[in-house]
């Protein structure tokens, strides 16, 4: 396993984020927004500049973290929304096929192996069989776009607490739908926690049932805790200071043979602090959790 970093969690200055990555020997970065723009809206010149800056440091882009299917499944759903990180709002699902094509083009330009999708804003708390069938059908349309592109990159679904597939149990339910063999997973324990699930071991074990072990290809890391406030029951924390058992989660990933990236998605901010300070603090927490899991880092930067 290798440490990674979502750059805009540090800030919009890409070079500042890459500086922090270098402090921790990180060679895998994930791109969502840069210089105040969502990556899908970067100009050709900006895309080329991003690539030059990352390659100059011997780094690579592990994922184009785009906004595909961060939209409403049905046209009459307008209540539940979340952060789009500068991407266009209120686009219908059909328009997101073009967003995916843009993600694929960026992945090819930057040499990224993964592009991202979600499973639509969650407009109702319960996840019905009908909704799951509709989500699966929409994801199959994305897989058709991937196949037609001839790209070598892989489409990954992120479990997102604000979307219909937010927990490990909901991922397991989705895996039971046919025609999703080409779909991989970004496992996000923090998002599962916000859906009220115990990410490890409960959510993780659900993800691995069926074909899940083969589909888990990328991991996001952010920590959280319960607040005791019914209106706002969860809050983000520095990694290692929340309620998610990351030492055991990391140990379990190593045991299953996971060889991908653990990509910090900080979210938490200290009082009066900024994204760089928060990310450095959380990266330190990740290293401590990996060490507590009994893992060591080799000369290539892999934790085993």
C-alpha atoms as a PDB file:
ATOM      1  CA  UNK A   1       0.000   0.000   0.000  1.00  0.00           C
ATOM      2  CA  UNK A   2       1.131   3.557  -0.676  1.00  0.00           C
ATOM      3  CA  UNK A   3       0.215   6.918   0.809  1.00  0.00           C
ATOM      4  CA  UNK A   4      -1.630   9.313  -1.485  1.00  0.00           C
ATOM      5  CA  UNK A   5      -3.125  12.794  -1.279  1.00  0.00           C
ATOM      6  CA  UNK A   6      -6.148  14.564  -2.755  1.00  0.00           C
ATOM      7  CA  UNK A   7      -4.429  17.832  -3.578  1.00  0.00           C
ATOM      8  CA  UNK A   8      -7.245  20.330  -3.102  1.00  0.00           C
ATOM      9  CA  UNK A   9      -7.668  19.215   0.510  1.00  0.00           C
ATOM     10  CA  UNK A  10      -4.385  21.059   1.044  1.00  0.00           C
ATOM     11  CA  UNK A  11      -5.496  23.991  -1.095  1.00  0.00           C
ATOM     12  CA  UNK A  12      -6.011  25.206  -4.637  1.00  0.00           C
ATOM     13  CA  UNK A  13      -2.302  25.881  -5.140  1.00  0.00           C
ATOM     14  CA  UNK A  14      -1.136  22.639  -6.733  1.00  0.00           C
ATOM     15  CA  UNK A  15       2.536  23.270  -6.072  1.00  0.00           C
ATOM     16  CA  UNK A  16       1.890  23.821  -2.360  1.00  0.00           C
ATOM     17  CA  UNK A  17       0.030  20.498  -2.229  1.00  0.00           C
ATOM     18  CA  UNK A  18       2.878  18.754  -4.042  1.00  0.00           C
ATOM     19  CA  UNK A  19       5.330  20.255  -1.550  1.00  0.00           C
ATOM     20  CA  UNK A  20       3.397  18.620   1.287  1.00  0.00           C
ATOM     21  CA  UNK A  21       3.247  15.337  -0.609  1.00  0.00           C
ATOM     22  CA  UNK A  22       7.033  15.391  -0.927  1.00  0.00           C
ATOM     23  CA  UNK A  23       7.394  15.843   2.843  1.00  0.00           C
ATOM     24  CA  UNK A  24       5.817  12.412   3.288  1.00  0.00           C
ATOM     25  CA  UNK A  25       7.428  10.705   0.314  1.00  0.00           C
ATOM     26  CA  UNK A  26       4.081  10.579  -1.494  1.00  0.00           C
ATOM     27  CA  UNK A  27       4.240   9.794  -5.192  1.00  0.00           C
ATOM     28  CA  UNK A  28       0.516   9.291  -5.900  1.00  0.00           C
ATOM     29  CA  UNK A  29      -1.779  12.314  -6.006  1.00  0.00           C
ATOM     30  CA  UNK A  30      -5.470  12.543  -6.752  1.00  0.00           C
ATOM     31  CA  UNK A  31      -6.909  15.535  -8.610  1.00  0.00           C
ATOM     32  CA  UNK A  32     -10.367  17.026  -8.024  1.00  0.00           C
ATOM     33  CA  UNK A  33      -9.982  20.801  -8.323  1.00  0.00           C
ATOM     34  CA  UNK A  34      -6.957  22.950  -9.114  1.00  0.00           C
ATOM     35  CA  UNK A  35      -6.490  26.723  -9.181  1.00  0.00           C
ATOM     36  CA  UNK A  36     -10.145  27.288  -8.306  1.00  0.00           C
ATOM     37  CA  UNK A  37     -11.502  25.055 -11.058  1.00  0.00           C
ATOM     38  CA  UNK A  38     -12.901  21.550 -11.083  1.00  0.00           C
ATOM     39  CA  UNK A  39     -10.508  19.446 -13.156  1.00  0.00           C
ATOM     40  CA  UNK A  40     -13.138  18.841 -15.832  1.00  0.00           C
ATOM     41  CA  UNK A  41     -13.147  22.611 -16.508  1.00  0.00           C
ATOM     42  CA  UNK A  42      -9.407  23.093 -16.902  1.00  0.00           C
ATOM     43  CA  UNK A  43      -8.210  24.476 -20.222  1.00  0.00           C
ATOM     44  CA  UNK A  44      -5.884  22.484 -22.448  1.00  0.00           C
ATOM     45  CA  UNK A  45      -2.997  24.695 -21.343  1.00  0.00           C
ATOM     46  CA  UNK A  46      -3.841  24.151 -17.673  1.00  0.00           C
ATOM     47  CA  UNK A  47      -4.149  20.399 -18.149  1.00  0.00           C
ATOM     48  CA  UNK A  48      -0.694  20.319 -19.721  1.00  0.00           C
ATOM     49  CA  UNK A  49       0.736  22.458 -16.904  1.00  0.00           C
ATOM     50  CA  UNK A  50      -0.707  20.112 -14.262  1.00  0.00           C
ATOM     51  CA  UNK A  51       0.972  17.187 -15.974  1.00  0.00           C
ATOM     52  CA  UNK A  52       4.320  18.956 -16.187  1.00  0.00           C
ATOM     53  CA  UNK A  53       4.295  19.948 -12.506  1.00  0.00           C
ATOM     54  CA  UNK A  54       3.495  16.429 -11.338  1.00  0.00           C
ATOM     55  CA  UNK A  55       5.931  14.657 -13.652  1.00  0.00           C
ATOM     56  CA  UNK A  56       8.725  17.083 -12.709  1.00  0.00           C
ATOM     57  CA  UNK A  57       8.568  15.742  -9.149  1.00  0.00           C
ATOM     58  CA  UNK A  58       8.493  12.112 -10.194  1.00  0.00           C
ATOM     59  CA  UNK A  59       4.858  11.817  -9.119  1.00  0.00           C
ATOM     60  CA  UNK A  60       1.802  10.338 -10.833  1.00  0.00           C
ATOM     61  CA  UNK A  61      -1.931  10.958 -10.893  1.00  0.00           C
ATOM     62  CA  UNK A  62      -3.698   7.963  -9.401  1.00  0.00           C
ATOM     63  CA  UNK A  63      -7.279   9.143  -9.989  1.00  0.00           C
ATOM     64  CA  UNK A  64      -9.269  11.828 -11.757  1.00  0.00           C
ATOM     65  CA  UNK A  65     -11.749  12.561  -8.961  1.00  0.00           C
ATOM     66  CA  UNK A  66     -14.527  13.990 -11.099  1.00  0.00           C
ATOM     67  CA  UNK A  67     -18.191  14.688 -10.255  1.00  0.00           C
ATOM     68  CA  UNK A  68     -19.961  12.090 -12.425  1.00  0.00           C
ATOM     69  CA  UNK A  69     -23.456  11.251 -11.109  1.00  0.00           C
ATOM     70  CA  UNK A  70     -23.276  13.801  -8.330  1.00  0.00           C
ATOM     71  CA  UNK A  71     -26.687  14.795  -9.558  1.00  0.00           C
ATOM     72  CA  UNK A  72     -30.319  13.845  -9.031  1.00  0.00           C
ATOM     73  CA  UNK A  73     -31.491  10.480 -10.272  1.00  0.00           C
ATOM     74  CA  UNK A  74     -34.961  11.899 -11.034  1.00  0.00           C
ATOM     75  CA  UNK A  75     -35.804  15.333 -12.372  1.00  0.00           C
ATOM     76  CA  UNK A  76     -38.226  16.095  -9.514  1.00  0.00           C
ATOM     77  CA  UNK A  77     -35.538  15.588  -6.838  1.00  0.00           C
ATOM     78  CA  UNK A  78     -34.077  18.926  -5.877  1.00  0.00           C
ATOM     79  CA  UNK A  79     -33.560  18.870  -2.129  1.00  0.00           C
ATOM     80  CA  UNK A  80     -30.435  16.870  -1.391  1.00  0.00           C
ATOM     81  CA  UNK A  81     -27.136  18.261  -2.654  1.00  0.00           C
ATOM     82  CA  UNK A  82     -23.506  18.368  -1.587  1.00  0.00           C
ATOM     83  CA  UNK A  83     -20.156  19.800  -2.594  1.00  0.00           C
ATOM     84  CA  UNK A  84     -19.418  19.700  -6.308  1.00  0.00           C
ATOM     85  CA  UNK A  85     -15.983  21.333  -5.987  1.00  0.00           C
ATOM     86  CA  UNK A  86     -16.681  23.772  -8.781  1.00  0.00           C
ATOM     87  CA  UNK A  87     -18.347  21.326 -11.189  1.00  0.00           C
ATOM     88  CA  UNK A  88     -21.606  22.268 -12.965  1.00  0.00           C
ATOM     89  CA  UNK A  89     -24.762  21.902 -10.888  1.00  0.00           C
ATOM     90  CA  UNK A  90     -28.205  20.535 -11.757  1.00  0.00           C
ATOM     91  CA  UNK A  91     -27.152  18.649 -14.871  1.00  0.00           C
ATOM     92  CA  UNK A  92     -29.390  15.688 -15.798  1.00  0.00           C
ATOM     93  CA  UNK A  93     -27.880  12.197 -15.668  1.00  0.00           C
ATOM     94  CA  UNK A  94     -27.543  12.035 -19.463  1.00  0.00           C
ATOM     95  CA  UNK A  95     -25.253  15.088 -19.413  1.00  0.00           C
ATOM     96  CA  UNK A  96     -22.940  13.263 -17.012  1.00  0.00           C
ATOM     97  CA  UNK A  97     -21.991  10.844 -19.764  1.00  0.00           C
ATOM     98  CA  UNK A  98     -20.126  13.735 -21.358  1.00  0.00           C
ATOM     99  CA  UNK A  99     -18.512  14.570 -18.008  1.00  0.00           C
ATOM    100  CA  UNK A 100     -17.225  11.002 -17.909  1.00  0.00           C
ATOM    101  CA  UNK A 101     -15.751  11.393 -21.381  1.00  0.00           C
ATOM    102  CA  UNK A 102     -13.938  14.477 -20.098  1.00  0.00           C
ATOM    103  CA  UNK A 103     -12.616  12.504 -17.106  1.00  0.00           C
ATOM    104  CA  UNK A 104     -11.367   9.795 -19.454  1.00  0.00           C
ATOM    105  CA  UNK A 105      -9.559  12.372 -21.617  1.00  0.00           C
ATOM    106  CA  UNK A 106      -7.861  13.802 -18.517  1.00  0.00           C
ATOM    107  CA  UNK A 107      -6.878  10.342 -17.319  1.00  0.00           C
ATOM    108  CA  UNK A 108      -5.297   9.599 -20.673  1.00  0.00           C
ATOM    109  CA  UNK A 109      -3.425  12.926 -20.636  1.00  0.00           C
ATOM    110  CA  UNK A 110      -2.110  12.395 -17.088  1.00  0.00           C
ATOM    111  CA  UNK A 111      -1.668   8.623 -17.240  1.00  0.00           C
ATOM    112  CA  UNK A 112      -4.159   8.029 -14.424  1.00  0.00           C
ATOM    113  CA  UNK A 113      -5.482   4.473 -14.002  1.00  0.00           C
ATOM    114  CA  UNK A 114      -8.820   5.511 -12.427  1.00  0.00           C
ATOM    115  CA  UNK A 115     -11.755   7.827 -13.026  1.00  0.00           C
ATOM    116  CA  UNK A 116     -14.562   8.321 -10.512  1.00  0.00           C
ATOM    117  CA  UNK A 117     -18.330   8.206 -10.319  1.00  0.00           C
ATOM    118  CA  UNK A 118     -20.967   8.440  -7.595  1.00  0.00           C
ATOM    119  CA  UNK A 119     -24.489   7.036  -7.254  1.00  0.00           C
ATOM    120  CA  UNK A 120     -26.697  10.163  -7.336  1.00  0.00           C
ATOM    121  CA  UNK A 121     -27.738  12.510  -4.546  1.00  0.00           C
ATOM    122  CA  UNK A 122     -29.671  10.701  -1.868  1.00  0.00           C
ATOM    123  CA  UNK A 123     -33.198  12.113  -1.932  1.00  0.00           C
ATOM    124  CA  UNK A 124     -34.645   9.530   0.457  1.00  0.00           C
ATOM    125  CA  UNK A 125     -33.085   7.798   3.458  1.00  0.00           C
ATOM    126  CA  UNK A 126     -34.086   4.254   2.581  1.00  0.00           C
ATOM    127  CA  UNK A 127     -32.464   2.506  -0.362  1.00  0.00           C
ATOM    128  CA  UNK A 128     -35.203   0.568  -2.116  1.00  0.00           C
ATOM    129  CA  UNK A 129     -34.712  -2.285  -4.562  1.00  0.00           C
ATOM    130  CA  UNK A 130     -36.208  -0.059  -7.267  1.00  0.00           C
ATOM    131  CA  UNK A 131     -33.705   2.708  -6.634  1.00  0.00           C
ATOM    132  CA  UNK A 132     -30.843   0.222  -6.635  1.00  0.00           C
ATOM    133  CA  UNK A 133     -32.005  -1.171  -9.969  1.00  0.00           C
ATOM    134  CA  UNK A 134     -32.140   2.352 -11.439  1.00  0.00           C
ATOM    135  CA  UNK A 135     -28.702   3.215 -10.082  1.00  0.00           C
ATOM    136  CA  UNK A 136     -27.266  -0.013 -11.498  1.00  0.00           C
ATOM    137  CA  UNK A 137     -28.807   0.695 -14.911  1.00  0.00           C
ATOM    138  CA  UNK A 138     -27.272   4.193 -14.915  1.00  0.00           C
ATOM    139  CA  UNK A 139     -23.867   2.806 -13.934  1.00  0.00           C
ATOM    140  CA  UNK A 140     -24.070   0.305 -16.778  1.00  0.00           C
ATOM    141  CA  UNK A 141     -24.463   3.257 -19.151  1.00  0.00           C
ATOM    142  CA  UNK A 142     -21.199   4.665 -17.820  1.00  0.00           C
ATOM    143  CA  UNK A 143     -19.493   1.331 -18.365  1.00  0.00           C
ATOM    144  CA  UNK A 144     -20.672   1.413 -21.973  1.00  0.00           C
ATOM    145  CA  UNK A 145     -18.992   4.817 -22.370  1.00  0.00           C
ATOM    146  CA  UNK A 146     -15.807   3.399 -20.842  1.00  0.00           C
ATOM    147  CA  UNK A 147     -15.842   0.444 -23.237  1.00  0.00           C
ATOM    148  CA  UNK A 148     -16.481   2.657 -26.273  1.00  0.00           C
ATOM    149  CA  UNK A 149     -13.596   4.944 -25.308  1.00  0.00           C
ATOM    150  CA  UNK A 150     -11.037   2.173 -25.597  1.00  0.00           C
ATOM    151  CA  UNK A 151      -9.262   3.727 -22.640  1.00  0.00           C
ATOM    152  CA  UNK A 152      -7.080   1.683 -20.359  1.00  0.00           C
ATOM    153  CA  UNK A 153      -8.377   3.427 -17.238  1.00  0.00           C
ATOM    154  CA  UNK A 154     -10.952   1.932 -14.871  1.00  0.00           C
ATOM    155  CA  UNK A 155     -14.241   3.389 -13.607  1.00  0.00           C
ATOM    156  CA  UNK A 156     -14.524   3.413  -9.806  1.00  0.00           C
ATOM    157  CA  UNK A 157     -17.616   4.096  -7.709  1.00  0.00           C
ATOM    158  CA  UNK A 158     -17.073   5.961  -4.442  1.00  0.00           C
ATOM    159  CA  UNK A 159     -19.395   5.168  -1.561  1.00  0.00           C
ATOM    160  CA  UNK A 160     -20.575   8.664  -0.597  1.00  0.00           C
ATOM    161  CA  UNK A 161     -22.770   9.333   2.428  1.00  0.00           C
ATOM    162  CA  UNK A 162     -24.781  11.993   0.578  1.00  0.00           C
ATOM    163  CA  UNK A 163     -25.510   9.590  -2.292  1.00  0.00           C
ATOM    164  CA  UNK A 164     -27.604   6.441  -2.661  1.00  0.00           C
ATOM    165  CA  UNK A 165     -24.681   4.050  -2.223  1.00  0.00           C
ATOM    166  CA  UNK A 166     -23.004   5.337   0.917  1.00  0.00           C
ATOM    167  CA  UNK A 167     -22.196   2.394   3.170  1.00  0.00           C
ATOM    168  CA  UNK A 168     -20.455  -0.935   2.808  1.00  0.00           C
ATOM    169  CA  UNK A 169     -23.795  -2.722   3.120  1.00  0.00           C
ATOM    170  CA  UNK A 170     -25.199  -0.636   0.257  1.00  0.00           C
ATOM    171  CA  UNK A 171     -22.143  -1.432  -1.869  1.00  0.00           C
ATOM    172  CA  UNK A 172     -22.779  -5.133  -1.207  1.00  0.00           C
ATOM    173  CA  UNK A 173     -26.399  -4.721  -2.299  1.00  0.00           C
ATOM    174  CA  UNK A 174     -25.290  -2.972  -5.490  1.00  0.00           C
ATOM    175  CA  UNK A 175     -22.828  -5.775  -6.313  1.00  0.00           C
ATOM    176  CA  UNK A 176     -25.801  -8.153  -6.568  1.00  0.00           C
ATOM    177  CA  UNK A 177     -27.030  -6.323  -9.676  1.00  0.00           C
ATOM    178  CA  UNK A 178     -25.913  -7.808 -13.022  1.00  0.00           C
ATOM    179  CA  UNK A 179     -23.731  -6.121 -15.600  1.00  0.00           C
ATOM    180  CA  UNK A 180     -21.388  -4.296 -13.215  1.00  0.00           C
ATOM    181  CA  UNK A 181     -18.329  -6.511 -13.580  1.00  0.00           C
ATOM    182  CA  UNK A 182     -16.218  -3.649 -14.912  1.00  0.00           C
ATOM    183  CA  UNK A 183     -17.055  -1.315 -12.039  1.00  0.00           C
ATOM    184  CA  UNK A 184     -14.440  -0.908  -9.323  1.00  0.00           C
ATOM    185  CA  UNK A 185     -14.772   0.642  -5.867  1.00  0.00           C
ATOM    186  CA  UNK A 186     -13.246   3.502  -3.943  1.00  0.00           C
ATOM    187  CA  UNK A 187     -13.766   2.359  -0.355  1.00  0.00           C
ATOM    188  CA  UNK A 188     -14.284   5.355   1.930  1.00  0.00           C
ATOM    189  CA  UNK A 189     -14.637   4.346   5.598  1.00  0.00           C
ATOM    190  CA  UNK A 190     -15.332   7.960   6.604  1.00  0.00           C
ATOM    191  CA  UNK A 191     -18.363   8.190   4.335  1.00  0.00           C
ATOM    192  CA  UNK A 192     -19.637   4.842   5.623  1.00  0.00           C
ATOM    193  CA  UNK A 193     -19.327   6.179   9.182  1.00  0.00           C
ATOM    194  CA  UNK A 194     -21.449   9.205   8.253  1.00  0.00           C
ATOM    195  CA  UNK A 195     -24.101   6.784   6.968  1.00  0.00           C
ATOM    196  CA  UNK A 196     -24.267   5.341  10.485  1.00  0.00           C
ATOM    197  CA  UNK A 197     -22.227   2.224   9.734  1.00  0.00           C
ATOM    198  CA  UNK A 198     -19.219   0.898  11.618  1.00  0.00           C
ATOM    199  CA  UNK A 199     -16.756   0.959   8.702  1.00  0.00           C
ATOM    200  CA  UNK A 200     -14.431  -1.632  10.148  1.00  0.00           C
ATOM    201  CA  UNK A 201     -15.180  -4.417  10.483  1.00  0.00           C
ATOM    202  CA  UNK A 202     -18.856  -4.229   9.435  1.00  0.00           C
ATOM    203  CA  UNK A 203     -18.756  -2.117   6.275  1.00  0.00           C
ATOM    204  CA  UNK A 204     -15.456  -3.537   5.085  1.00  0.00           C
ATOM    205  CA  UNK A 205     -16.660  -7.127   5.459  1.00  0.00           C
ATOM    206  CA  UNK A 206     -19.834  -6.269   3.518  1.00  0.00           C
ATOM    207  CA  UNK A 207     -17.772  -4.749   0.706  1.00  0.00           C
ATOM    208  CA  UNK A 208     -15.655  -7.893   0.452  1.00  0.00           C
ATOM    209  CA  UNK A 209     -18.565 -10.309   0.210  1.00  0.00           C
ATOM    210  CA  UNK A 210     -19.245 -11.597  -3.293  1.00  0.00           C
ATOM    211  CA  UNK A 211     -16.868 -10.092  -5.871  1.00  0.00           C
ATOM    212  CA  UNK A 212     -15.998  -7.104  -3.685  1.00  0.00           C
ATOM    213  CA  UNK A 213     -12.420  -8.105  -2.924  1.00  0.00           C
ATOM    214  CA  UNK A 214     -11.571  -8.014  -6.613  1.00  0.00           C
ATOM    215  CA  UNK A 215     -13.309  -4.671  -7.113  1.00  0.00           C
ATOM    216  CA  UNK A 216     -11.788  -2.719  -4.211  1.00  0.00           C
ATOM    217  CA  UNK A 217      -9.107  -0.806  -6.081  1.00  0.00           C
ATOM    218  CA  UNK A 218      -8.666   2.485  -4.233  1.00  0.00           C
ATOM    219  CA  UNK A 219      -9.161   3.807  -0.683  1.00  0.00           C
ATOM    220  CA  UNK A 220      -9.970   7.262   0.683  1.00  0.00           C
ATOM    221  CA  UNK A 221      -8.931   8.079   4.234  1.00  0.00           C
ATOM    222  CA  UNK A 222     -10.660  10.572   6.504  1.00  0.00           C
ATOM    223  CA  UNK A 223     -11.705  10.213  10.131  1.00  0.00           C
ATOM    224  CA  UNK A 224     -14.868  11.213  11.958  1.00  0.00           C
ATOM    225  CA  UNK A 225     -16.632  11.090  15.299  1.00  0.00           C
ATOM    226  CA  UNK A 226     -20.152  11.267  16.688  1.00  0.00           C
ATOM    227  CA  UNK A 227     -21.158  14.605  18.208  1.00  0.00           C
ATOM    228  CA  UNK A 228     -24.202  13.704  20.291  1.00  0.00           C
ATOM    229  CA  UNK A 229     -26.157  16.421  18.459  1.00  0.00           C
ATOM    230  CA  UNK A 230     -29.203  14.963  16.666  1.00  0.00           C
ATOM    231  CA  UNK A 231     -29.224  17.808  14.142  1.00  0.00           C
ATOM    232  CA  UNK A 232     -25.553  17.324  13.240  1.00  0.00           C
ATOM    233  CA  UNK A 233     -24.662  13.845  14.471  1.00  0.00           C
ATOM    234  CA  UNK A 234     -21.200  13.575  12.883  1.00  0.00           C
ATOM    235  CA  UNK A 235     -18.095  15.709  12.568  1.00  0.00           C
ATOM    236  CA  UNK A 236     -14.811  15.190  10.759  1.00  0.00           C
ATOM    237  CA  UNK A 237     -11.647  14.586  12.770  1.00  0.00           C
ATOM    238  CA  UNK A 238      -7.933  14.374  12.174  1.00  0.00           C
ATOM    239  CA  UNK A 239      -6.990  10.850  11.147  1.00  0.00           C
ATOM    240  CA  UNK A 240      -6.364   8.852  14.292  1.00  0.00           C
ATOM    241  CA  UNK A 241      -8.428  11.172  16.490  1.00  0.00           C
ATOM    242  CA  UNK A 242     -11.885  10.015  15.448  1.00  0.00           C
ATOM    243  CA  UNK A 243     -13.788   6.760  15.943  1.00  0.00           C
ATOM    244  CA  UNK A 244     -12.719   4.821  12.851  1.00  0.00           C
ATOM    245  CA  UNK A 245     -10.373   1.938  13.591  1.00  0.00           C
ATOM    246  CA  UNK A 246      -7.766   2.689  10.949  1.00  0.00           C
ATOM    247  CA  UNK A 247      -5.003   0.472  12.393  1.00  0.00           C
ATOM    248  CA  UNK A 248      -7.267  -2.576  12.051  1.00  0.00           C
ATOM    249  CA  UNK A 249      -8.601  -1.341   8.697  1.00  0.00           C
ATOM    250  CA  UNK A 250      -5.089  -0.954   7.317  1.00  0.00           C
ATOM    251  CA  UNK A 251      -4.045  -4.345   8.692  1.00  0.00           C
ATOM    252  CA  UNK A 252      -7.077  -5.961   7.045  1.00  0.00           C
ATOM    253  CA  UNK A 253      -6.269  -4.301   3.716  1.00  0.00           C
ATOM    254  CA  UNK A 254      -2.717  -5.614   3.913  1.00  0.00           C
ATOM    255  CA  UNK A 255      -3.983  -9.093   4.778  1.00  0.00           C
ATOM    256  CA  UNK A 256      -6.273  -9.160   1.734  1.00  0.00           C
ATOM    257  CA  UNK A 257      -3.306  -8.224  -0.456  1.00  0.00           C
ATOM    258  CA  UNK A 258      -4.384  -4.663  -1.261  1.00  0.00           C
ATOM    259  CA  UNK A 259      -1.567  -2.976  -3.183  1.00  0.00           C
ATOM    260  CA  UNK A 260      -3.220   0.309  -4.055  1.00  0.00           C
ATOM    261  CA  UNK A 261      -3.181   3.841  -2.664  1.00  0.00           C
ATOM    262  CA  UNK A 262      -4.475   5.150   0.669  1.00  0.00           C
ATOM    263  CA  UNK A 263      -5.495   8.625  -0.478  1.00  0.00           C
ATOM    264  CA  UNK A 264      -5.924  11.243   2.266  1.00  0.00           C
ATOM    265  CA  UNK A 265      -9.130  13.256   1.866  1.00  0.00           C
ATOM    266  CA  UNK A 266      -8.603  15.445   4.918  1.00  0.00           C
ATOM    267  CA  UNK A 267     -11.981  17.234   5.332  1.00  0.00           C
ATOM    268  CA  UNK A 268     -11.204  18.126   8.963  1.00  0.00           C
ATOM    269  CA  UNK A 269      -9.855  21.573   9.780  1.00  0.00           C
ATOM    270  CA  UNK A 270      -8.305  22.624  13.109  1.00  0.00           C
ATOM    271  CA  UNK A 271      -9.678  25.736  14.778  1.00  0.00           C
ATOM    272  CA  UNK A 272      -8.083  28.644  12.980  1.00  0.00           C
ATOM    273  CA  UNK A 273      -6.027  26.296  10.823  1.00  0.00           C
ATOM    274  CA  UNK A 274      -5.826  25.662   7.103  1.00  0.00           C
ATOM    275  CA  UNK A 275      -5.875  22.696   4.771  1.00  0.00           C
ATOM    276  CA  UNK A 276      -2.109  22.289   4.700  1.00  0.00           C
ATOM    277  CA  UNK A 277      -1.834  22.132   8.492  1.00  0.00           C
ATOM    278  CA  UNK A 278      -4.807  19.767   8.707  1.00  0.00           C
ATOM    279  CA  UNK A 279      -3.448  17.496   5.995  1.00  0.00           C
ATOM    280  CA  UNK A 280       0.021  17.332   7.546  1.00  0.00           C
ATOM    281  CA  UNK A 281      -1.550  16.443  10.905  1.00  0.00           C
ATOM    282  CA  UNK A 282      -3.707  13.740   9.319  1.00  0.00           C
ATOM    283  CA  UNK A 283      -0.824  12.311   7.284  1.00  0.00           C
ATOM    284  CA  UNK A 284       1.097  11.971  10.535  1.00  0.00           C
ATOM    285  CA  UNK A 285      -1.947  10.169  11.950  1.00  0.00           C
ATOM    286  CA  UNK A 286      -2.021   7.832   8.942  1.00  0.00           C
ATOM    287  CA  UNK A 287       1.642   6.936   9.444  1.00  0.00           C
ATOM    288  CA  UNK A 288       1.023   6.209  13.125  1.00  0.00           C
ATOM    289  CA  UNK A 289      -1.983   4.030  12.253  1.00  0.00           C
ATOM    290  CA  UNK A 290       0.048   2.083   9.676  1.00  0.00           C
ATOM    291  CA  UNK A 291       2.804   1.514  12.209  1.00  0.00           C
ATOM    292  CA  UNK A 292       0.262   0.479  14.836  1.00  0.00           C
ATOM    293  CA  UNK A 293      -1.077  -2.018  12.292  1.00  0.00           C
ATOM    294  CA  UNK A 294       2.366  -3.628  12.303  1.00  0.00           C
ATOM    295  CA  UNK A 295       3.271  -2.404   8.816  1.00  0.00           C
ATOM    296  CA  UNK A 296       6.601  -0.961   7.737  1.00  0.00           C
ATOM    297  CA  UNK A 297       7.571   1.181   4.783  1.00  0.00           C
ATOM    298  CA  UNK A 298      10.146  -0.072   2.327  1.00  0.00           C
ATOM    299  CA  UNK A 299      12.551   1.945   0.176  1.00  0.00           C
ATOM    300  CA  UNK A 300       9.961   2.190  -2.582  1.00  0.00           C
ATOM    301  CA  UNK A 301       7.416   3.783  -0.246  1.00  0.00           C
ATOM    302  CA  UNK A 302       5.169   0.709   0.036  1.00  0.00           C
ATOM    303  CA  UNK A 303       3.677  -0.190   3.399  1.00  0.00           C
ATOM    304  CA  UNK A 304       3.704  -3.951   3.960  1.00  0.00           C
END
